Structures are given as C-alpha cells and as structure tokens.
Amino acid sequence: MHPLDVSLYDRGWETKWDDMKMYGPFSQHLRRMLVSVLSSVTFDTLLDVGCGQGSLLAELYVKYPQAELFGLDFSSAAIELAQQRLPEGKFFVMDITASFLNMKFDMVVCSEVLEHIPDDEAVMRNLACMTGKYLIISSPQGRMRRFETSEMGHVRNYAKGELVRKLDTNGFTPLRVIEWGFPFYSPLYRNILELFRGRGTDGKFGTTRKVISRALYGLFSMNSSKRGDEIVVLARPTNCSHVGSL
C-alpha cells in the first residue's frame, strides 16, 4: 500500500476497516486511552485529524455533548462514513501534509496518522497552526513488522523518544507521555499478526469475531501503561511557523 494513495484509503474505508475501528481490541483500547487523557483537560472545540470513519468522535459526542466536534481526513469515503455516524459533527476533506484549516481548536487529536506520512514534521507544523490549547497524538513505536508496511501502509515506527523530540522542535511542548502495550499487545499480539500478515483484523466482524475481540480487550487491560510500543503524547502548542491554510 502506498502511504498517500487516497484511492486505496477510499476503498479500504468502503470495504475493510469500519468494523475493525469499531470493534478491534487495539482500537477500543486506544479510544479508552485517548478519552482518559482528554478527561484531564478542558475544551469546547475538538478537531480529530485523520478521523477515519468517526468512531472516536462518536464516542466523544456521548461523553462531551456540549463540545463542538470536527473531523478531517483526506479520504472522502471516510468522511462520508463519519458524517453518517455523527450527523452533528462538522467534517472536512483535506490533505494535512499540504495545508491546514484557518481555524483554532481547543483540542486537536491526531491518532495513528503520522506513521503513514513520509514528512511527519510538516504535519506537526500544520497541526501547531490549528491547535489552540492542546494536542493529543498517538503512534506506534519500536520494531516495525513487515505486515505494517505491506498491509497497513506504515512508513515508520518511531524510535523511543523520537516522537517527543520531533514535537518539541515543530511547534509543541510535550506535557505527558504514555507508553502502552507490554506484554500482550506488544510484542505478543503484534508478533501473532506478523505471522498471519495482519489477516483477520479487517472486514466485517460477526458474532464470533466480536467475542474474540472483547476477550482480547480484557487481556489488553492488563498491559503496562509505562512500557510498550504504543505512544500517546499530550502537548501544548508553542508557535505556528508558516502559512498555507485553507
């Protein structure tokens, strides 16, 4: 998969990824962590950059009914699904690598996006220009498995400390860092996915797959929040260094 081929992402959202994002054990845990970090700060407006089919925004709408929720993705198929899932949200189709919205949001979330983008620092600078109070960003780190490149379109997994350093030099001050996943998500679950090249994680989830996902979600609850290959960073913006808004 080419990391920035929008037609592949459109087809993926139309045929493969919706249920994975809703019911997959990692996706459920990631939303739990993001919601936990969000609960530590206050915000009235929130933008989800790379919002996909809107599963995070739909959950946030229930928890924060008074907040204005926005989503941005470069896949029009993803935005169509997100708008159906959350009619109350406001959505934009845009390539965050090339530009940014001429708006400020109290909270900007960018979750599982940067690992797909070659010029991640350009994205960070664009995010800084839209972030009013806080940014929450998540991405994998550590050893990158072959299926993550071939099946998921990853161009990198961050080295330990790399994401924090890049945020610090591209418009943000990191405030809090969570490293999650040891041992059941990383390395065990990711190693199993490597054996099967990631098969079984996408497509429609029937009853059996939902039960298995729920069991794995319970197992993942025992993972460390101080060690692992998933990193979540809460940061504060320091500057917007360039122009290029829509």
Protein backbone atom coordinates (compact mmCIF):
# COMPACT_ATOMS: atom_id res chain seq x y z
CA MET A 1 0.00 0.00 0.00
CA HIS A 2 1.38 3.40 -0.94
CA PRO A 3 1.10 5.59 2.18
CA LEU A 4 -0.55 8.55 0.43
CA ASP A 5 -2.64 6.87 -2.30
CA VAL A 6 -6.08 8.24 -1.46
CA SER A 7 -7.86 5.76 -3.75
CA LEU A 8 -6.56 2.86 -1.65
CA TYR A 9 -7.80 4.53 1.53
CA ASP A 10 -11.18 5.22 -0.05
CA ARG A 11 -11.54 1.54 -0.96
CA GLY A 12 -10.31 0.50 2.48
CA TRP A 13 -12.95 2.55 4.28
CA GLU A 14 -15.65 1.36 1.90
CA THR A 15 -14.85 -2.34 2.28
CA LYS A 16 -12.46 -3.28 5.11
CA TRP A 17 -11.80 -1.01 8.06
CA ASP A 18 -15.06 0.23 9.56
CA ASP A 19 -15.69 -2.74 11.89
CA MET A 20 -12.00 -3.01 12.77
CA LYS A 21 -12.04 0.56 14.08
CA MET A 22 -15.28 -0.04 15.97
CA TYR A 23 -14.66 -3.48 17.48
CA GLY A 24 -10.95 -4.28 17.18
CA PRO A 25 -9.33 -4.75 20.61
CA PHE A 26 -6.50 -2.31 19.92
CA SER A 27 -8.85 0.33 18.53
CA GLN A 28 -11.08 0.04 21.60
CA HIS A 29 -8.12 0.40 23.96
CA LEU A 30 -6.72 3.32 22.04
CA ARG A 31 -10.04 5.16 22.33
CA ARG A 32 -10.04 4.41 26.08
CA MET A 33 -6.57 5.93 26.45
CA LEU A 34 -7.43 8.99 24.38
CA VAL A 35 -10.61 9.59 26.37
CA SER A 36 -8.65 9.21 29.60
CA VAL A 37 -6.14 11.87 28.53
CA LEU A 38 -8.94 14.15 27.31
CA SER A 39 -10.60 13.93 30.73
CA SER A 40 -7.55 15.61 32.29
CA VAL A 41 -8.04 18.90 30.38
CA THR A 42 -10.91 21.18 29.36
CA PHE A 43 -12.01 22.04 25.84
CA ASP A 44 -15.02 23.42 23.99
CA THR A 45 -13.91 22.60 20.44
CA LEU A 46 -12.11 19.47 19.22
CA LEU A 47 -10.71 18.53 15.82
CA ASP A 48 -9.86 14.91 15.00
CA VAL A 49 -7.21 14.94 12.25
CA GLY A 50 -7.29 11.68 10.32
CA CYS A 51 -10.69 10.96 11.83
CA GLY A 52 -11.40 8.00 9.54
CA GLN A 53 -14.96 6.77 9.91
CA GLY A 54 -15.61 8.82 13.04
CA SER A 55 -15.62 6.15 15.78
CA LEU A 56 -13.66 8.34 18.22
CA LEU A 57 -15.81 11.41 17.54
CA ALA A 58 -19.00 9.38 18.00
CA GLU A 59 -17.79 8.23 21.42
CA LEU A 60 -16.76 11.76 22.37
CA TYR A 61 -20.17 13.10 21.38
CA VAL A 62 -21.74 10.90 24.07
CA LYS A 63 -19.20 11.95 26.71
CA TYR A 64 -18.99 15.64 25.74
CA PRO A 65 -22.40 16.58 24.28
CA GLN A 66 -21.74 20.31 24.69
CA ALA A 67 -18.47 20.31 22.76
CA GLU A 68 -18.23 21.25 19.08
CA LEU A 69 -16.70 18.29 17.27
CA PHE A 70 -14.88 18.46 13.93
CA GLY A 71 -13.22 15.83 11.78
CA LEU A 72 -10.68 15.99 8.98
CA ASP A 73 -9.45 13.26 6.64
CA PHE A 74 -8.04 13.10 3.13
CA SER A 75 -10.35 10.19 2.25
CA SER A 76 -13.79 11.32 1.09
CA ALA A 77 -15.11 7.79 1.73
CA ALA A 78 -14.02 8.03 5.37
CA ILE A 79 -15.64 11.44 5.76
CA GLU A 80 -18.88 10.14 4.29
CA LEU A 81 -18.97 7.35 6.88
CA ALA A 82 -18.09 9.77 9.67
CA GLN A 83 -20.85 12.17 8.69
CA GLN A 84 -23.35 9.31 8.71
CA ARG A 85 -22.13 8.14 12.11
CA LEU A 86 -22.15 11.63 13.60
CA PRO A 87 -24.55 13.99 11.79
CA GLU A 88 -23.90 16.61 14.46
CA GLY A 89 -20.20 16.85 13.55
CA LYS A 90 -18.55 19.14 11.03
CA PHE A 91 -16.18 17.47 8.59
CA PHE A 92 -13.53 18.46 6.07
CA VAL A 93 -11.76 16.58 3.28
CA MET A 94 -8.16 17.82 3.25
CA ASP A 95 -4.56 16.65 2.95
CA ILE A 96 -2.94 17.64 6.24
CA THR A 97 0.53 17.16 4.72
CA ALA A 98 -0.06 20.10 2.38
CA SER A 99 -2.16 22.60 4.33
CA PHE A 100 -4.24 23.32 7.43
CA LEU A 101 -7.57 24.87 8.31
CA ASN A 102 -7.60 28.57 9.08
CA MET A 103 -9.22 27.83 12.43
CA LYS A 104 -8.08 27.24 16.00
CA PHE A 105 -9.42 24.39 18.12
CA ASP A 106 -9.05 23.99 21.87
CA MET A 107 -8.09 20.36 21.34
CA VAL A 108 -6.58 18.68 18.28
CA VAL A 109 -6.33 14.87 18.16
CA CYS A 110 -4.11 13.14 15.61
CA SER A 111 -4.24 9.42 16.26
CA GLU A 112 -2.50 6.69 14.20
CA VAL A 113 -1.76 9.06 11.33
CA LEU A 114 1.91 10.08 11.37
CA GLU A 115 3.19 6.55 10.81
CA HIS A 116 1.61 6.70 7.33
CA ILE A 117 3.16 10.01 6.24
CA PRO A 118 6.75 10.42 5.00
CA ASP A 119 7.03 14.10 6.01
CA ASP A 120 5.68 13.82 9.55
CA GLU A 121 7.33 17.08 10.64
CA ALA A 122 5.37 19.07 8.03
CA VAL A 123 2.19 17.61 9.54
CA MET A 124 3.28 18.61 13.05
CA ARG A 125 3.85 22.19 11.89
CA ASN A 126 0.38 22.25 10.29
CA LEU A 127 -1.15 20.85 13.47
CA ALA A 128 0.53 23.59 15.51
CA CYS A 129 -1.25 26.22 13.41
CA MET A 130 -4.67 24.75 14.29
CA THR A 131 -4.07 23.93 17.97
CA GLY A 132 -5.39 26.47 20.45
CA LYS A 133 -4.70 24.73 23.76
CA TYR A 134 -3.73 21.08 23.46
CA LEU A 135 -2.69 18.34 21.04
CA ILE A 136 -3.06 14.63 21.68
CA ILE A 137 -1.09 12.47 19.29
CA SER A 138 -0.66 8.69 19.16
CA SER A 139 1.50 6.42 17.03
CA PRO A 140 3.35 3.10 17.17
CA GLN A 141 7.00 2.93 18.13
CA GLY A 142 9.58 0.17 18.32
CA ARG A 143 10.25 -2.57 15.77
CA MET A 144 8.10 -2.30 12.65
CA ARG A 145 6.68 -5.60 11.44
CA ARG A 146 6.57 -6.41 7.73
CA PHE A 147 2.75 -6.54 7.63
CA GLU A 148 2.61 -3.00 8.98
CA THR A 149 4.40 -1.83 5.84
CA SER A 150 2.76 -4.08 3.26
CA GLU A 151 -0.78 -4.25 4.64
CA MET A 152 -1.15 -1.08 6.71
CA GLY A 153 0.88 1.45 4.77
CA HIS A 154 3.28 2.41 7.58
CA VAL A 155 6.44 4.26 6.60
CA ARG A 156 7.87 4.31 10.14
CA ASN A 157 7.51 3.25 13.71
CA TYR A 158 9.12 5.85 15.96
CA ALA A 159 12.26 5.06 17.92
CA LYS A 160 11.94 5.56 21.66
CA GLY A 161 11.92 9.29 22.36
CA GLU A 162 11.79 10.27 18.67
CA LEU A 163 8.17 11.45 18.56
CA VAL A 164 8.63 13.65 21.64
CA ARG A 165 11.81 15.20 20.18
CA LYS A 166 10.10 15.95 16.87
CA LEU A 167 7.10 17.54 18.56
CA ASP A 168 9.46 19.68 20.64
CA THR A 169 11.17 21.04 17.51
CA ASN A 170 8.00 21.52 15.43
CA GLY A 171 5.77 23.80 17.48
CA PHE A 172 4.85 21.87 20.64
CA THR A 173 5.86 21.39 24.25
CA PRO A 174 5.15 17.79 25.36
CA LEU A 175 3.35 17.65 28.71
CA ARG A 176 2.59 13.97 29.25
CA VAL A 177 3.76 10.73 27.63
CA ILE A 178 2.09 7.30 27.86
CA GLU A 179 3.85 4.19 26.52
CA TRP A 180 1.39 1.30 26.49
CA GLY A 181 1.16 -2.31 25.44
CA PHE A 182 3.63 -4.63 27.17
CA PRO A 183 3.38 -7.61 27.03
CA PHE A 184 0.06 -8.69 25.47
CA TYR A 185 -0.23 -6.09 22.72
CA SER A 186 3.47 -5.64 22.16
CA PRO A 187 5.23 -7.85 21.45
CA LEU A 188 2.81 -10.83 21.65
CA TYR A 189 -0.25 -9.67 19.67
CA ARG A 190 1.82 -7.81 17.09
CA ASN A 191 4.05 -10.86 16.61
CA ILE A 192 0.98 -13.05 16.01
CA LEU A 193 -0.34 -10.56 13.46
CA GLU A 194 3.06 -10.71 11.77
CA LEU A 195 2.75 -14.48 11.36
CA PHE A 196 -0.61 -14.07 9.62
CA ARG A 197 0.34 -10.84 7.78
CA GLY A 198 -2.39 -8.96 9.61
CA ARG A 199 -5.19 -11.15 8.22
CA GLY A 200 -8.33 -11.40 10.32
CA THR A 201 -8.29 -7.83 11.56
CA ASP A 202 -10.35 -6.20 8.81
CA GLY A 203 -13.66 -6.84 7.05
CA LYS A 204 -16.99 -7.40 8.77
CA PHE A 205 -16.98 -8.56 12.39
CA GLY A 206 -19.60 -11.22 13.07
CA THR A 207 -20.57 -12.54 16.49
CA THR A 208 -17.52 -14.82 16.85
CA ARG A 209 -15.01 -12.12 15.97
CA LYS A 210 -16.71 -9.65 18.30
CA VAL A 211 -16.49 -12.16 21.17
CA ILE A 212 -12.80 -12.80 20.46
CA SER A 213 -12.16 -9.06 20.26
CA ARG A 214 -13.89 -8.50 23.57
CA ALA A 215 -11.76 -11.21 25.20
CA LEU A 216 -8.59 -9.65 23.80
CA TYR A 217 -9.76 -6.25 25.00
CA GLY A 218 -9.97 -7.70 28.51
CA LEU A 219 -6.50 -9.20 28.18
CA PHE A 220 -5.12 -5.88 26.94
CA SER A 221 -6.41 -4.26 30.14
CA MET A 222 -3.51 -5.96 31.92
CA ASN A 223 -0.90 -4.28 29.72
CA SER A 224 1.58 -1.81 31.17
CA SER A 225 0.90 1.93 30.74
CA LYS A 226 4.61 2.68 31.21
CA ARG A 227 6.13 0.30 28.70
CA GLY A 228 5.10 -0.72 25.21
CA ASP A 229 5.02 0.06 21.52
CA GLU A 230 2.06 2.46 21.51
CA ILE A 231 2.86 6.05 22.47
CA VAL A 232 0.33 8.74 23.36
CA VAL A 233 1.54 12.31 23.90
CA LEU A 234 -0.32 15.30 25.31
CA ALA A 235 1.33 18.55 24.20
CA ARG A 236 0.80 22.30 24.24
CA PRO A 237 1.40 24.46 21.13
CA THR A 238 4.26 26.98 21.18
CA ASN A 239 4.15 28.50 17.70
CA CYS A 240 2.86 28.32 14.13
CA SER A 241 5.89 28.79 11.91
CA HIS A 242 4.43 29.06 8.40
CA VAL A 243 1.43 29.83 6.24
CA GLY A 244 -0.62 27.57 3.99
CA SER A 245 -4.15 27.48 5.34
CA LEU A 246 -7.40 26.75 3.57
